Amino acid sequence: MTTKKKPAAKGMSMEAFLKTSGPGESLEILKSRQEADAAWAERAFAGKEPLSPPIRVQRGRPKAGEDAPPTVVKAIRLPVRLLEKLQAKAEAQGLSLNALLQMAASEYLAHHRGA
């Protein structure tokens, strides 16, 4: 069984490109992301935050047809009280525990470059 190849974006009309690429994110989401990135850049250039790109952890499974980035399953031991606090924080932010831990690890690496 052969799959239909998507045409190269270089030779596409704008209408064909939009039809192939799908709707994308809403303008409101893009504007809020831009505002958050601009605020981060101002803090970073003022020396109030490390100069590394913000990490966006996507919630849920990848969209149909998209490949998930490679991951590794790693079990860690946490004290019960720490786990409860992390779960409460994740729930309050509307994140899964996994997403919260990924963000925490990314922030740690951004702040501890000598590691």
PDB file of N, CA and C in Angstrom:
ATOM      1  N   MET A   1       0.840  -1.177   0.000  1.00  0.00           N
ATOM      2  CA  MET A   1       0.000   0.000   0.000  1.00  0.00           C
ATOM      3  C   MET A   1       0.886   1.241   0.000  1.00  0.00           C
ATOM      4  N   THR A   2       0.640   2.124  -0.919  1.00  0.00           N
ATOM      5  CA  THR A   2       1.425   3.359  -0.974  1.00  0.00           C
ATOM      6  C   THR A   2       0.616   4.497  -0.381  1.00  0.00           C
ATOM      7  N   THR A   3       1.322   5.401   0.235  1.00  0.00           N
ATOM      8  CA  THR A   3       0.637   6.557   0.803  1.00  0.00           C
ATOM      9  C   THR A   3       0.830   7.745  -0.107  1.00  0.00           C
ATOM     10  N   LYS A   4      -0.138   8.615  -0.128  1.00  0.00           N
ATOM     11  CA  LYS A   4      -0.091   9.793  -0.975  1.00  0.00           C
ATOM     12  C   LYS A   4       0.878  10.799  -0.351  1.00  0.00           C
ATOM     13  N   LYS A   5       1.866  11.203  -1.136  1.00  0.00           N
ATOM     14  CA  LYS A   5       2.832  12.161  -0.634  1.00  0.00           C
ATOM     15  C   LYS A   5       2.232  13.557  -0.631  1.00  0.00           C
ATOM     16  N   LYS A   6       2.616  14.322   0.379  1.00  0.00           N
ATOM     17  CA  LYS A   6       2.201  15.719   0.408  1.00  0.00           C
ATOM     18  C   LYS A   6       3.085  16.491  -0.566  1.00  0.00           C
ATOM     19  N   PRO A   7       2.511  17.420  -1.313  1.00  0.00           N
ATOM     20  CA  PRO A   7       3.339  18.200  -2.238  1.00  0.00           C
ATOM     21  C   PRO A   7       4.287  19.114  -1.458  1.00  0.00           C
ATOM     22  N   ALA A   8       5.409  19.422  -2.063  1.00  0.00           N
ATOM     23  CA  ALA A   8       6.385  20.305  -1.415  1.00  0.00           C
ATOM     24  C   ALA A   8       5.780  21.694  -1.258  1.00  0.00           C
ATOM     25  N   ALA A   9       6.001  22.302  -0.102  1.00  0.00           N
ATOM     26  CA  ALA A   9       5.424  23.617   0.174  1.00  0.00           C
ATOM     27  C   ALA A   9       5.942  24.670  -0.798  1.00  0.00           C
ATOM     28  N   LYS A  10       7.137  24.468  -1.331  1.00  0.00           N
ATOM     29  CA  LYS A  10       7.742  25.447  -2.227  1.00  0.00           C
ATOM     30  C   LYS A  10       6.900  25.667  -3.488  1.00  0.00           C
ATOM     31  N   GLY A  11       6.321  24.613  -4.024  1.00  0.00           N
ATOM     32  CA  GLY A  11       5.563  24.723  -5.263  1.00  0.00           C
ATOM     33  C   GLY A  11       4.063  24.829  -5.054  1.00  0.00           C
ATOM     34  N   MET A  12       3.613  25.068  -3.836  1.00  0.00           N
ATOM     35  CA  MET A  12       2.179  25.094  -3.537  1.00  0.00           C
ATOM     36  C   MET A  12       1.609  26.501  -3.616  1.00  0.00           C
ATOM     37  N   SER A  13       0.334  26.552  -3.914  1.00  0.00           N
ATOM     38  CA  SER A  13      -0.373  27.823  -3.768  1.00  0.00           C
ATOM     39  C   SER A  13      -0.697  27.992  -2.281  1.00  0.00           C
ATOM     40  N   MET A  14      -1.027  29.212  -1.869  1.00  0.00           N
ATOM     41  CA  MET A  14      -1.354  29.456  -0.466  1.00  0.00           C
ATOM     42  C   MET A  14      -2.580  28.644  -0.067  1.00  0.00           C
ATOM     43  N   GLU A  15      -3.545  28.533  -0.946  1.00  0.00           N
ATOM     44  CA  GLU A  15      -4.756  27.766  -0.647  1.00  0.00           C
ATOM     45  C   GLU A  15      -4.425  26.291  -0.422  1.00  0.00           C
ATOM     46  N   ALA A  16      -3.577  25.725  -1.284  1.00  0.00           N
ATOM     47  CA  ALA A  16      -3.181  24.325  -1.134  1.00  0.00           C
ATOM     48  C   ALA A  16      -2.375  24.122   0.146  1.00  0.00           C
ATOM     49  N   PHE A  17      -1.507  25.089   0.463  1.00  0.00           N
ATOM     50  CA  PHE A  17      -0.715  24.996   1.686  1.00  0.00           C
ATOM     51  C   PHE A  17      -1.607  24.980   2.920  1.00  0.00           C
ATOM     52  N   LEU A  18      -2.572  25.894   2.986  1.00  0.00           N
ATOM     53  CA  LEU A  18      -3.473  25.958   4.133  1.00  0.00           C
ATOM     54  C   LEU A  18      -4.317  24.691   4.253  1.00  0.00           C
ATOM     55  N   LYS A  19      -4.745  24.157   3.120  1.00  0.00           N
ATOM     56  CA  LYS A  19      -5.543  22.925   3.133  1.00  0.00           C
ATOM     57  C   LYS A  19      -4.716  21.747   3.648  1.00  0.00           C
ATOM     58  N   THR A  20      -3.449  21.676   3.254  1.00  0.00           N
ATOM     59  CA  THR A  20      -2.571  20.585   3.656  1.00  0.00           C
ATOM     60  C   THR A  20      -2.126  20.700   5.102  1.00  0.00           C
ATOM     61  N   SER A  21      -1.824  21.929   5.536  1.00  0.00           N
ATOM     62  CA  SER A  21      -1.249  22.108   6.866  1.00  0.00           C
ATOM     63  C   SER A  21      -2.275  22.092   7.982  1.00  0.00           C
ATOM     64  N   GLY A  22      -3.533  22.279   7.696  1.00  0.00           N
ATOM     65  CA  GLY A  22      -4.552  22.275   8.739  1.00  0.00           C
ATOM     66  C   GLY A  22      -4.710  23.648   9.367  1.00  0.00           C
ATOM     67  N   PRO A  23      -5.607  23.755  10.340  1.00  0.00           N
ATOM     68  CA  PRO A  23      -5.941  25.066  10.881  1.00  0.00           C
ATOM     69  C   PRO A  23      -4.862  25.683  11.767  1.00  0.00           C
ATOM     70  N   GLY A  24      -4.018  24.894  12.401  1.00  0.00           N
ATOM     71  CA  GLY A  24      -3.007  25.454  13.288  1.00  0.00           C
ATOM     72  C   GLY A  24      -3.611  25.986  14.571  1.00  0.00           C
ATOM     73  N   GLU A  25      -2.843  26.797  15.282  1.00  0.00           N
ATOM     74  CA  GLU A  25      -3.315  27.356  16.546  1.00  0.00           C
ATOM     75  C   GLU A  25      -4.083  28.638  16.297  1.00  0.00           C
ATOM     76  N   SER A  26      -4.987  28.933  17.210  1.00  0.00           N
ATOM     77  CA  SER A  26      -5.794  30.134  17.048  1.00  0.00           C
ATOM     78  C   SER A  26      -4.933  31.374  17.250  1.00  0.00           C
ATOM     79  N   LEU A  27      -5.394  32.488  16.721  1.00  0.00           N
ATOM     80  CA  LEU A  27      -4.672  33.745  16.840  1.00  0.00           C
ATOM     81  C   LEU A  27      -4.522  34.166  18.297  1.00  0.00           C
ATOM     82  N   GLU A  28      -5.526  33.894  19.114  1.00  0.00           N
ATOM     83  CA  GLU A  28      -5.457  34.257  20.534  1.00  0.00           C
ATOM     84  C   GLU A  28      -4.322  33.513  21.237  1.00  0.00           C
ATOM     85  N   ILE A  29      -4.175  32.230  20.931  1.00  0.00           N
ATOM     86  CA  ILE A  29      -3.102  31.433  21.536  1.00  0.00           C
ATOM     87  C   ILE A  29      -1.746  31.955  21.086  1.00  0.00           C
ATOM     88  N   LEU A  30      -1.614  32.263  19.796  1.00  0.00           N
ATOM     89  CA  LEU A  30      -0.345  32.775  19.284  1.00  0.00           C
ATOM     90  C   LEU A  30       0.005  34.120  19.910  1.00  0.00           C
ATOM     91  N   LYS A  31      -0.999  34.997  20.077  1.00  0.00           N
ATOM     92  CA  LYS A  31      -0.750  36.298  20.698  1.00  0.00           C
ATOM     93  C   LYS A  31      -0.327  36.148  22.151  1.00  0.00           C
ATOM     94  N   SER A  32      -0.989  35.257  22.899  1.00  0.00           N
ATOM     95  CA  SER A  32      -0.627  35.076  24.302  1.00  0.00           C
ATOM     96  C   SER A  32       0.779  34.477  24.420  1.00  0.00           C
ATOM     97  N   ARG A  33       1.129  33.577  23.502  1.00  0.00           N
ATOM     98  CA  ARG A  33       2.473  32.996  23.502  1.00  0.00           C
ATOM     99  C   ARG A  33       3.507  34.067  23.193  1.00  0.00           C
ATOM    100  N   GLN A  34       3.201  34.951  22.240  1.00  0.00           N
ATOM    101  CA  GLN A  34       4.127  36.018  21.899  1.00  0.00           C
ATOM    102  C   GLN A  34       4.336  36.951  23.094  1.00  0.00           C
ATOM    103  N   GLU A  35       3.257  37.273  23.783  1.00  0.00           N
ATOM    104  CA  GLU A  35       3.362  38.139  24.958  1.00  0.00           C
ATOM    105  C   GLU A  35       4.214  37.481  26.043  1.00  0.00           C
ATOM    106  N   ALA A  36       4.006  36.189  26.263  1.00  0.00           N
ATOM    107  CA  ALA A  36       4.789  35.470  27.271  1.00  0.00           C
ATOM    108  C   ALA A  36       6.257  35.423  26.876  1.00  0.00           C
ATOM    109  N   ASP A  37       6.540  35.182  25.598  1.00  0.00           N
ATOM    110  CA  ASP A  37       7.925  35.138  25.136  1.00  0.00           C
ATOM    111  C   ASP A  37       8.591  36.509  25.236  1.00  0.00           C
ATOM    112  N   ALA A  38       7.853  37.574  24.906  1.00  0.00           N
ATOM    113  CA  ALA A  38       8.405  38.927  24.996  1.00  0.00           C
ATOM    114  C   ALA A  38       8.719  39.286  26.451  1.00  0.00           C
ATOM    115  N   ALA A  39       7.825  38.916  27.364  1.00  0.00           N
ATOM    116  CA  ALA A  39       8.057  39.185  28.786  1.00  0.00           C
ATOM    117  C   ALA A  39       9.282  38.416  29.276  1.00  0.00           C
ATOM    118  N   TRP A  40       9.417  37.150  28.839  1.00  0.00           N
ATOM    119  CA  TRP A  40      10.587  36.359  29.217  1.00  0.00           C
ATOM    120  C   TRP A  40      11.855  37.015  28.682  1.00  0.00           C
ATOM    121  N   ALA A  41      11.842  37.477  27.420  1.00  0.00           N
ATOM    122  CA  ALA A  41      13.027  38.088  26.820  1.00  0.00           C
ATOM    123  C   ALA A  41      13.434  39.349  27.583  1.00  0.00           C
ATOM    124  N   GLU A  42      12.465  40.159  27.971  1.00  0.00           N
ATOM    125  CA  GLU A  42      12.773  41.369  28.745  1.00  0.00           C
ATOM    126  C   GLU A  42      13.436  41.009  30.078  1.00  0.00           C
ATOM    127  N   ARG A  43      12.898  40.001  30.768  1.00  0.00           N
ATOM    128  CA  ARG A  43      13.497  39.575  32.042  1.00  0.00           C
ATOM    129  C   ARG A  43      14.897  39.012  31.823  1.00  0.00           C
ATOM    130  N   ALA A  44      15.060  38.219  30.759  1.00  0.00           N
ATOM    131  CA  ALA A  44      16.348  37.585  30.492  1.00  0.00           C
ATOM    132  C   ALA A  44      17.410  38.635  30.161  1.00  0.00           C
ATOM    133  N   PHE A  45      17.092  39.604  29.317  1.00  0.00           N
ATOM    134  CA  PHE A  45      18.071  40.619  28.938  1.00  0.00           C
ATOM    135  C   PHE A  45      18.346  41.603  30.067  1.00  0.00           C
ATOM    136  N   ALA A  46      17.445  41.699  31.025  1.00  0.00           N
ATOM    137  CA  ALA A  46      17.676  42.539  32.197  1.00  0.00           C
ATOM    138  C   ALA A  46      18.484  41.792  33.257  1.00  0.00           C
ATOM    139  N   GLY A  47      18.781  40.517  33.011  1.00  0.00           N
ATOM    140  CA  GLY A  47      19.567  39.725  33.945  1.00  0.00           C
ATOM    141  C   GLY A  47      18.746  39.127  35.065  1.00  0.00           C
ATOM    142  N   LYS A  48      17.427  39.170  34.957  1.00  0.00           N
ATOM    143  CA  LYS A  48      16.562  38.643  36.014  1.00  0.00           C
ATOM    144  C   LYS A  48      16.206  37.183  35.795  1.00  0.00           C
ATOM    145  N   GLU A  49      16.597  36.642  34.662  1.00  0.00           N
ATOM    146  CA  GLU A  49      16.266  35.255  34.335  1.00  0.00           C
ATOM    147  C   GLU A  49      17.373  34.712  33.435  1.00  0.00           C
ATOM    148  N   PRO A  50      17.690  33.411  33.527  1.00  0.00           N
ATOM    149  CA  PRO A  50      18.745  32.879  32.670  1.00  0.00           C
ATOM    150  C   PRO A  50      18.369  33.008  31.195  1.00  0.00           C
ATOM    151  N   LEU A  51      19.375  33.248  30.378  1.00  0.00           N
ATOM    152  CA  LEU A  51      19.145  33.438  28.955  1.00  0.00           C
ATOM    153  C   LEU A  51      19.106  32.088  28.249  1.00  0.00           C
ATOM    154  N   SER A  52      17.976  31.428  28.345  1.00  0.00           N
ATOM    155  CA  SER A  52      17.754  30.169  27.644  1.00  0.00           C
ATOM    156  C   SER A  52      16.302  30.166  27.211  1.00  0.00           C
ATOM    157  N   PRO A  53      15.994  29.515  26.121  1.00  0.00           N
ATOM    158  CA  PRO A  53      14.619  29.572  25.623  1.00  0.00           C
ATOM    159  C   PRO A  53      13.639  28.910  26.574  1.00  0.00           C
ATOM    160  N   PRO A  54      12.428  29.465  26.672  1.00  0.00           N
ATOM    161  CA  PRO A  54      11.429  28.823  27.513  1.00  0.00           C
ATOM    162  C   PRO A  54      11.026  27.468  26.938  1.00  0.00           C
ATOM    163  N   ILE A  55      10.737  26.538  27.804  1.00  0.00           N
ATOM    164  CA  ILE A  55      10.345  25.200  27.387  1.00  0.00           C
ATOM    165  C   ILE A  55       8.824  25.127  27.379  1.00  0.00           C
ATOM    166  N   ARG A  56       8.285  24.621  26.281  1.00  0.00           N
ATOM    167  CA  ARG A  56       6.837  24.413  26.215  1.00  0.00           C
ATOM    168  C   ARG A  56       6.584  22.914  26.235  1.00  0.00           C
ATOM    169  N   VAL A  57       5.904  22.463  27.238  1.00  0.00           N
ATOM    170  CA  VAL A  57       5.563  21.051  27.338  1.00  0.00           C
ATOM    171  C   VAL A  57       4.135  20.910  26.842  1.00  0.00           C
ATOM    172  N   GLN A  58       3.959  20.120  25.795  1.00  0.00           N
ATOM    173  CA  GLN A  58       2.627  19.948  25.242  1.00  0.00           C
ATOM    174  C   GLN A  58       1.881  18.884  26.029  1.00  0.00           C
ATOM    175  N   ARG A  59       0.600  19.163  26.233  1.00  0.00           N
ATOM    176  CA  ARG A  59      -0.227  18.221  26.975  1.00  0.00           C
ATOM    177  C   ARG A  59      -0.797  17.176  26.031  1.00  0.00           C
ATOM    178  N   GLY A  60      -0.994  15.973  26.568  1.00  0.00           N
ATOM    179  CA  GLY A  60      -1.678  14.918  25.827  1.00  0.00           C
ATOM    180  C   GLY A  60      -0.831  14.264  24.752  1.00  0.00           C
ATOM    181  N   ARG A  61      -1.507  13.505  23.924  1.00  0.00           N
ATOM    182  CA  ARG A  61      -0.853  12.765  22.856  1.00  0.00           C
ATOM    183  C   ARG A  61      -0.637  13.661  21.641  1.00  0.00           C
ATOM    184  N   PRO A  62       0.324  13.277  20.772  1.00  0.00           N
ATOM    185  CA  PRO A  62       0.517  14.051  19.542  1.00  0.00           C
ATOM    186  C   PRO A  62      -0.721  13.970  18.654  1.00  0.00           C
ATOM    187  N   LYS A  63      -0.887  14.966  17.797  1.00  0.00           N
ATOM    188  CA  LYS A  63      -2.008  14.964  16.860  1.00  0.00           C
ATOM    189  C   LYS A  63      -1.864  13.800  15.896  1.00  0.00           C
ATOM    190  N   ALA A  64      -2.973  13.394  15.299  1.00  0.00           N
ATOM    191  CA  ALA A  64      -2.961  12.280  14.360  1.00  0.00           C
ATOM    192  C   ALA A  64      -1.966  12.563  13.245  1.00  0.00           C
ATOM    193  N   GLY A  65      -1.129  11.585  12.954  1.00  0.00           N
ATOM    194  CA  GLY A  65      -0.139  11.720  11.902  1.00  0.00           C
ATOM    195  C   GLY A  65       1.192  12.271  12.373  1.00  0.00           C
ATOM    196  N   GLU A  66       1.254  12.819  13.571  1.00  0.00           N
ATOM    197  CA  GLU A  66       2.515  13.349  14.103  1.00  0.00           C
ATOM    198  C   GLU A  66       3.219  12.268  14.915  1.00  0.00           C
ATOM    199  N   ASP A  67       4.524  12.251  14.804  1.00  0.00           N
ATOM    200  CA  ASP A  67       5.316  11.315  15.601  1.00  0.00           C
ATOM    201  C   ASP A  67       5.636  11.941  16.945  1.00  0.00           C
ATOM    202  N   ALA A  68       5.561  11.150  17.980  1.00  0.00           N
ATOM    203  CA  ALA A  68       5.935  11.630  19.312  1.00  0.00           C
ATOM    204  C   ALA A  68       7.451  11.675  19.394  1.00  0.00           C
ATOM    205  N   PRO A  69       8.002  12.677  20.074  1.00  0.00           N
ATOM    206  CA  PRO A  69       9.461  12.688  20.232  1.00  0.00           C
ATOM    207  C   PRO A  69       9.898  11.491  21.069  1.00  0.00           C
ATOM    208  N   PRO A  70      11.112  11.005  20.844  1.00  0.00           N
ATOM    209  CA  PRO A  70      11.565   9.836  21.603  1.00  0.00           C
ATOM    210  C   PRO A  70      11.684  10.165  23.091  1.00  0.00           C
ATOM    211  N   THR A  71      11.279   9.239  23.917  1.00  0.00           N
ATOM    212  CA  THR A  71      11.363   9.414  25.367  1.00  0.00           C
ATOM    213  C   THR A  71      11.905   8.140  25.993  1.00  0.00           C
ATOM    214  N   VAL A  72      12.306   8.268  27.238  1.00  0.00           N
ATOM    215  CA  VAL A  72      12.809   7.134  28.008  1.00  0.00           C
ATOM    216  C   VAL A  72      12.013   7.073  29.302  1.00  0.00           C
ATOM    217  N   VAL A  73      11.602   5.900  29.690  1.00  0.00           N
ATOM    218  CA  VAL A  73      10.902   5.731  30.956  1.00  0.00           C
ATOM    219  C   VAL A  73      11.953   5.548  32.041  1.00  0.00           C
ATOM    220  N   LYS A  74      11.865   6.359  33.095  1.00  0.00           N
ATOM    221  CA  LYS A  74      12.821   6.294  34.190  1.00  0.00           C
ATOM    222  C   LYS A  74      12.051   6.372  35.497  1.00  0.00           C
ATOM    223  N   ALA A  75      12.173   5.364  36.311  1.00  0.00           N
ATOM    224  CA  ALA A  75      11.505   5.355  37.612  1.00  0.00           C
ATOM    225  C   ALA A  75      12.381   6.096  38.613  1.00  0.00           C
ATOM    226  N   ILE A  76      11.758   6.946  39.425  1.00  0.00           N
ATOM    227  CA  ILE A  76      12.488   7.639  40.486  1.00  0.00           C
ATOM    228  C   ILE A  76      11.727   7.457  41.792  1.00  0.00           C
ATOM    229  N   ARG A  77      12.449   7.515  42.874  1.00  0.00           N
ATOM    230  CA  ARG A  77      11.829   7.397  44.195  1.00  0.00           C
ATOM    231  C   ARG A  77      11.647   8.793  44.761  1.00  0.00           C
ATOM    232  N   LEU A  78      10.435   9.062  45.240  1.00  0.00           N
ATOM    233  CA  LEU A  78      10.123  10.351  45.846  1.00  0.00           C
ATOM    234  C   LEU A  78       9.503  10.128  47.209  1.00  0.00           C
ATOM    235  N   PRO A  79       9.836  10.966  48.181  1.00  0.00           N
ATOM    236  CA  PRO A  79       9.129  10.892  49.453  1.00  0.00           C
ATOM    237  C   PRO A  79       7.645  11.189  49.219  1.00  0.00           C
ATOM    238  N   VAL A  80       6.785  10.543  49.976  1.00  0.00           N
ATOM    239  CA  VAL A  80       5.338  10.670  49.793  1.00  0.00           C
ATOM    240  C   VAL A  80       4.900  12.131  49.838  1.00  0.00           C
ATOM    241  N   ARG A  81       5.401  12.880  50.814  1.00  0.00           N
ATOM    242  CA  ARG A  81       4.998  14.278  50.970  1.00  0.00           C
ATOM    243  C   ARG A  81       5.404  15.115  49.760  1.00  0.00           C
ATOM    244  N   LEU A  82       6.597  14.871  49.210  1.00  0.00           N
ATOM    245  CA  LEU A  82       7.051  15.587  48.024  1.00  0.00           C
ATOM    246  C   LEU A  82       6.167  15.260  46.830  1.00  0.00           C
ATOM    247  N   LEU A  83       5.842  13.994  46.663  1.00  0.00           N
ATOM    248  CA  LEU A  83       4.973  13.583  45.566  1.00  0.00           C
ATOM    249  C   LEU A  83       3.605  14.249  45.678  1.00  0.00           C
ATOM    250  N   GLU A  84       3.056  14.302  46.878  1.00  0.00           N
ATOM    251  CA  GLU A  84       1.753  14.939  47.075  1.00  0.00           C
ATOM    252  C   GLU A  84       1.803  16.418  46.710  1.00  0.00           C
ATOM    253  N   LYS A  85       2.882  17.097  47.101  1.00  0.00           N
ATOM    254  CA  LYS A  85       3.016  18.516  46.772  1.00  0.00           C
ATOM    255  C   LYS A  85       3.156  18.718  45.262  1.00  0.00           C
ATOM    256  N   LEU A  86       3.934  17.867  44.614  1.00  0.00           N
ATOM    257  CA  LEU A  86       4.100  17.965  43.164  1.00  0.00           C
ATOM    258  C   LEU A  86       2.781  17.714  42.440  1.00  0.00           C
ATOM    259  N   GLN A  87       2.026  16.711  42.897  1.00  0.00           N
ATOM    260  CA  GLN A  87       0.737  16.416  42.268  1.00  0.00           C
ATOM    261  C   GLN A  87      -0.233  17.581  42.439  1.00  0.00           C
ATOM    262  N   ALA A  88      -0.251  18.197  43.620  1.00  0.00           N
ATOM    263  CA  ALA A  88      -1.131  19.338  43.866  1.00  0.00           C
ATOM    264  C   ALA A  88      -0.740  20.519  42.985  1.00  0.00           C
ATOM    265  N   LYS A  89       0.565  20.762  42.846  1.00  0.00           N
ATOM    266  CA  LYS A  89       1.051  21.860  42.013  1.00  0.00           C
ATOM    267  C   LYS A  89       0.697  21.617  40.552  1.00  0.00           C
ATOM    268  N   ALA A  90       0.870  20.382  40.083  1.00  0.00           N
ATOM    269  CA  ALA A  90       0.548  20.041  38.695  1.00  0.00           C
ATOM    270  C   ALA A  90      -0.940  20.247  38.433  1.00  0.00           C
ATOM    271  N   GLU A  91      -1.767  19.782  39.346  1.00  0.00           N
ATOM    272  CA  GLU A  91      -3.218  19.926  39.186  1.00  0.00           C
ATOM    273  C   GLU A  91      -3.613  21.400  39.168  1.00  0.00           C
ATOM    274  N   ALA A  92      -3.006  22.205  40.041  1.00  0.00           N
ATOM    275  CA  ALA A  92      -3.321  23.627  40.102  1.00  0.00           C
ATOM    276  C   ALA A  92      -2.945  24.346  38.811  1.00  0.00           C
ATOM    277  N   GLN A  93      -1.911  23.867  38.135  1.00  0.00           N
ATOM    278  CA  GLN A  93      -1.466  24.488  36.888  1.00  0.00           C
ATOM    279  C   GLN A  93      -2.097  23.840  35.659  1.00  0.00           C
ATOM    280  N   GLY A  94      -2.938  22.833  35.868  1.00  0.00           N
ATOM    281  CA  GLY A  94      -3.581  22.166  34.742  1.00  0.00           C
ATOM    282  C   GLY A  94      -2.630  21.287  33.950  1.00  0.00           C
ATOM    283  N   LEU A  95      -1.629  20.753  34.627  1.00  0.00           N
ATOM    284  CA  LEU A  95      -0.633  19.904  33.977  1.00  0.00           C
ATOM    285  C   LEU A  95      -0.700  18.496  34.539  1.00  0.00           C
ATOM    286  N   SER A  96      -0.138  17.566  33.784  1.00  0.00           N
ATOM    287  CA  SER A  96       0.049  16.225  34.332  1.00  0.00           C
ATOM    288  C   SER A  96       1.297  16.264  35.198  1.00  0.00           C
ATOM    289  N   LEU A  97       1.439  15.288  36.070  1.00  0.00           N
ATOM    290  CA  LEU A  97       2.638  15.201  36.896  1.00  0.00           C
ATOM    291  C   LEU A  97       3.867  15.061  36.007  1.00  0.00           C
ATOM    292  N   ASN A  98       3.755  14.285  34.942  1.00  0.00           N
ATOM    293  CA  ASN A  98       4.857  14.092  34.008  1.00  0.00           C
ATOM    294  C   ASN A  98       5.289  15.425  33.394  1.00  0.00           C
ATOM    295  N   ALA A  99       4.335  16.224  32.932  1.00  0.00           N
ATOM    296  CA  ALA A  99       4.662  17.513  32.318  1.00  0.00           C
ATOM    297  C   ALA A  99       5.335  18.433  33.332  1.00  0.00           C
ATOM    298  N   LEU A 100       4.831  18.447  34.559  1.00  0.00           N
ATOM    299  CA  LEU A 100       5.425  19.283  35.600  1.00  0.00           C
ATOM    300  C   LEU A 100       6.876  18.868  35.871  1.00  0.00           C
ATOM    301  N   LEU A 101       7.122  17.565  35.950  1.00  0.00           N
ATOM    302  CA  LEU A 101       8.476  17.081  36.209  1.00  0.00           C
ATOM    303  C   LEU A 101       9.407  17.382  35.029  1.00  0.00           C
ATOM    304  N   GLN A 102       8.896  17.302  33.803  1.00  0.00           N
ATOM    305  CA  GLN A 102       9.713  17.660  32.646  1.00  0.00           C
ATOM    306  C   GLN A 102      10.075  19.140  32.687  1.00  0.00           C
ATOM    307  N   MET A 103       9.109  19.988  33.032  1.00  0.00           N
ATOM    308  CA  MET A 103       9.379  21.419  33.133  1.00  0.00           C
ATOM    309  C   MET A 103      10.393  21.696  34.242  1.00  0.00           C
ATOM    310  N   ALA A 104      10.242  21.022  35.366  1.00  0.00           N
ATOM    311  CA  ALA A 104      11.166  21.220  36.491  1.00  0.00           C
ATOM    312  C   ALA A 104      12.588  20.818  36.099  1.00  0.00           C
ATOM    313  N   ALA A 105      12.723  19.717  35.398  1.00  0.00           N
ATOM    314  CA  ALA A 105      14.048  19.270  34.960  1.00  0.00           C
ATOM    315  C   ALA A 105      14.648  20.260  33.971  1.00  0.00           C
ATOM    316  N   SER A 106      13.837  20.779  33.056  1.00  0.00           N
ATOM    317  CA  SER A 106      14.325  21.762  32.083  1.00  0.00           C
ATOM    318  C   SER A 106      14.772  23.038  32.772  1.00  0.00           C
ATOM    319  N   GLU A 107      13.988  23.504  33.737  1.00  0.00           N
ATOM    320  CA  GLU A 107      14.355  24.710  34.477  1.00  0.00           C
ATOM    321  C   GLU A 107      15.646  24.486  35.261  1.00  0.00           C
ATOM    322  N   TYR A 108      15.798  23.323  35.864  1.00  0.00           N
ATOM    323  CA  TYR A 108      17.022  23.010  36.600  1.00  0.00           C
ATOM    324  C   TYR A 108      18.232  23.109  35.684  1.00  0.00           C
ATOM    325  N   LEU A 109      18.128  22.501  34.495  1.00  0.00           N
ATOM    326  CA  LEU A 109      19.255  22.528  33.555  1.00  0.00           C
ATOM    327  C   LEU A 109      19.551  23.950  33.097  1.00  0.00           C
ATOM    328  N   ALA A 110      18.534  24.768  32.922  1.00  0.00           N
ATOM    329  CA  ALA A 110      18.734  26.157  32.488  1.00  0.00           C
ATOM    330  C   ALA A 110      19.453  26.969  33.570  1.00  0.00           C
ATOM    331  N   HIS A 111      19.187  26.663  34.840  1.00  0.00           N
ATOM    332  CA  HIS A 111      19.774  27.431  35.942  1.00  0.00           C
ATOM    333  C   HIS A 111      21.105  26.852  36.433  1.00  0.00           C
ATOM    334  N   HIS A 112      21.429  25.641  36.044  1.00  0.00           N
ATOM    335  CA  HIS A 112      22.651  24.980  36.506  1.00  0.00           C
ATOM    336  C   HIS A 112      23.455  24.507  35.304  1.00  0.00           C
ATOM    337  N   ARG A 113      24.017  25.447  34.589  1.00  0.00           N
ATOM    338  CA  ARG A 113      24.712  25.118  33.343  1.00  0.00           C
ATOM    339  C   ARG A 113      26.014  24.366  33.550  1.00  0.00           C
ATOM    340  N   GLY A 114      26.596  24.452  34.703  1.00  0.00           N
ATOM    341  CA  GLY A 114      27.859  23.764  34.950  1.00  0.00           C
ATOM    342  C   GLY A 114      27.693  22.275  35.192  1.00  0.00           C
ATOM    343  N   ALA A 115      26.462  21.821  35.313  1.00  0.00           N
ATOM    344  CA  ALA A 115      26.203  20.408  35.641  1.00  0.00           C
ATOM    345  C   ALA A 115      26.467  19.515  34.445  1.00  0.00           C
TER     346      ALA A 115
END
